[in-house]
């Protein structure tokens, strides 16, 4: 399993507006985390409580508009 730090936006992003492919999406991947699930949960707790300006990689955290959460994903296999 791979640990992902994800976020949900308060207002969904609308893609292909006005077309038959229009779609509103509110859940996104922030980054993959290398560590334990417990460590990832602690990072998410700090993001949601402390509301830093930036993530560890320098990208904006935008905590006023995002709620972070941890998700475990299956690894993609070799074909």
Protein backbone atom coordinates (compact mmCIF):
# COMPACT_ATOMS: atom_id res chain seq x y z
CA UNK A 1 0.00 0.00 0.00
CA UNK A 2 1.05 3.56 -0.73
CA UNK A 3 0.21 6.41 1.63
CA UNK A 4 -1.20 9.53 0.00
CA UNK A 5 -1.81 12.92 1.57
CA UNK A 6 -4.94 14.25 -0.12
CA UNK A 7 -7.24 17.21 0.31
CA UNK A 8 -10.86 18.13 -0.26
CA UNK A 9 -11.68 21.67 -1.38
CA UNK A 10 -14.56 23.67 0.05
CA UNK A 11 -15.60 24.71 -3.47
CA UNK A 12 -15.20 22.12 -6.24
CA UNK A 13 -13.06 22.85 -9.29
CA UNK A 14 -15.14 22.76 -12.49
CA UNK A 15 -13.49 21.31 -15.57
CA UNK A 16 -14.79 21.57 -19.17
CA UNK A 17 -17.46 24.05 -18.10
CA UNK A 18 -20.33 24.34 -20.52
CA UNK A 19 -19.55 21.12 -22.37
CA UNK A 20 -21.03 17.66 -22.13
CA UNK A 21 -17.82 16.66 -20.28
CA UNK A 22 -18.29 19.22 -17.51
CA UNK A 23 -17.29 17.80 -14.16
CA UNK A 24 -16.91 19.25 -10.66
CA UNK A 25 -14.11 17.70 -8.61
CA UNK A 26 -13.33 18.46 -4.98
CA UNK A 27 -10.81 15.75 -3.98
CA UNK A 28 -7.15 15.91 -5.02
CA UNK A 29 -3.76 14.33 -4.32
CA UNK A 30 -1.32 16.64 -2.52
CA UNK A 31 1.62 14.18 -2.46
CA UNK A 32 2.67 10.64 -1.71
CA UNK A 33 4.15 10.08 1.74
CA UNK A 34 7.08 7.81 2.57
CA UNK A 35 6.71 6.74 6.19
CA UNK A 36 4.21 5.07 8.45
CA UNK A 37 0.47 5.55 8.42
CA UNK A 38 0.66 6.98 11.96
CA UNK A 39 3.24 9.57 10.85
CA UNK A 40 1.05 10.56 7.90
CA UNK A 41 -1.96 10.99 10.19
CA UNK A 42 0.12 13.25 12.46
CA UNK A 43 1.16 15.39 9.47
CA UNK A 44 -2.48 15.74 8.38
CA UNK A 45 -3.53 16.64 11.91
CA UNK A 46 -0.90 19.40 12.00
CA UNK A 47 -1.90 20.69 8.56
CA UNK A 48 -5.56 20.94 9.56
CA UNK A 49 -4.91 22.43 13.01
CA UNK A 50 -1.85 24.66 12.50
CA UNK A 51 -2.75 25.76 8.96
CA UNK A 52 0.76 26.48 7.62
CA UNK A 53 1.22 28.68 4.56
CA UNK A 54 3.18 26.02 2.66
CA UNK A 55 3.59 22.26 2.46
CA UNK A 56 7.00 20.67 3.06
CA UNK A 57 7.80 20.99 -0.65
CA UNK A 58 7.12 24.73 -0.80
CA UNK A 59 3.74 24.52 -2.51
CA UNK A 60 0.89 26.55 -0.98
CA UNK A 61 -1.06 24.62 1.64
CA UNK A 62 -4.17 26.83 1.18
CA UNK A 63 -5.61 25.51 4.44
CA UNK A 64 -8.41 28.08 4.41
CA UNK A 65 -9.92 26.31 1.41
CA UNK A 66 -8.72 22.73 1.92
CA UNK A 67 -9.17 19.92 4.43
CA UNK A 68 -6.37 17.36 4.35
CA UNK A 69 -6.75 13.61 4.91
CA UNK A 70 -4.75 10.38 4.55
CA UNK A 71 -5.63 7.72 2.01
CA UNK A 72 -4.03 4.35 1.42
CA UNK A 73 -3.81 3.36 -2.23
CA UNK A 74 -2.80 0.14 -3.92
CA UNK A 75 0.55 0.23 -5.63
CA UNK A 76 0.55 -0.01 -9.39
CA UNK A 77 2.04 -3.29 -10.53
CA UNK A 78 4.52 -3.91 -13.29
CA UNK A 79 3.03 -5.15 -16.53
